[in-house]
Amino acid sequence: MHIQNWFQVPAFNEDECDQIQALCDQVAINDASVIAGRRFVSKLQRNCKAGWIRSDGPNDWLYKKVDRLFNDVNNRTLGFNLDGELETLQYLEYGFGQFYGTHVDNGADQVERRKLTMVIQLSSPRSYTGGRLRVYGQTKLRHAPRERGHAAIFPSHLPHRANPVWTGKRKVLVAWKRGKKPLS
């Protein structure tokens, strides 16, 4: 399987999405930042709200399922050498005019060992307009699924962007799976 491919999968049912959203509603969200050697906020590159879902107690089931989804897709397709390490899950909210410009999820510093990215749709597609997630890869697919509970899973080196939301609010959960070494 070519490492420029990406995949969409039905990941969570409605009840699970409600449980995830309840967890997300309990976390503090702030202006999202961009990692570039150090943390900073750049409204020209990224303009949304972010919070973090820790891997403890009531969140354990979520981490196990995300990990299983990553492993299933990786084992069937890309075959990356993963080390079992999931990063802390990130909850994102995009309101009117909010976006994340074209970027990749791995690179230098603390994100260099990211191998796979997963973006899980929590909002109903009817609850917002705009905000499509565009992944630049070598598949016929151009945009991530908008169906609630569906996920886009892609190599973290693929460029992607979240287009501006025009009405409503787009809510997603983002996960990253690491490998033993950076992808070279």
Foldseek 3Di string as FASTA:
>chain_A
DDQQDKDKDQQDDLVVLVVVVVQVVPWDKDFDWDDDPHTDRDQVAFGWIKTWRDCDDPCVVVVVSVLVVVVVCCVVPVVDAFDSDKDTKMKIKAAAFGKGHKDFQADDDPRQFWFKKKKAWSDALVQWPAFWKAWDGPDPDGTHDNHHRMMMMHTRGTIIMGTHIHHGMTMIMMMTTGHPGGDD
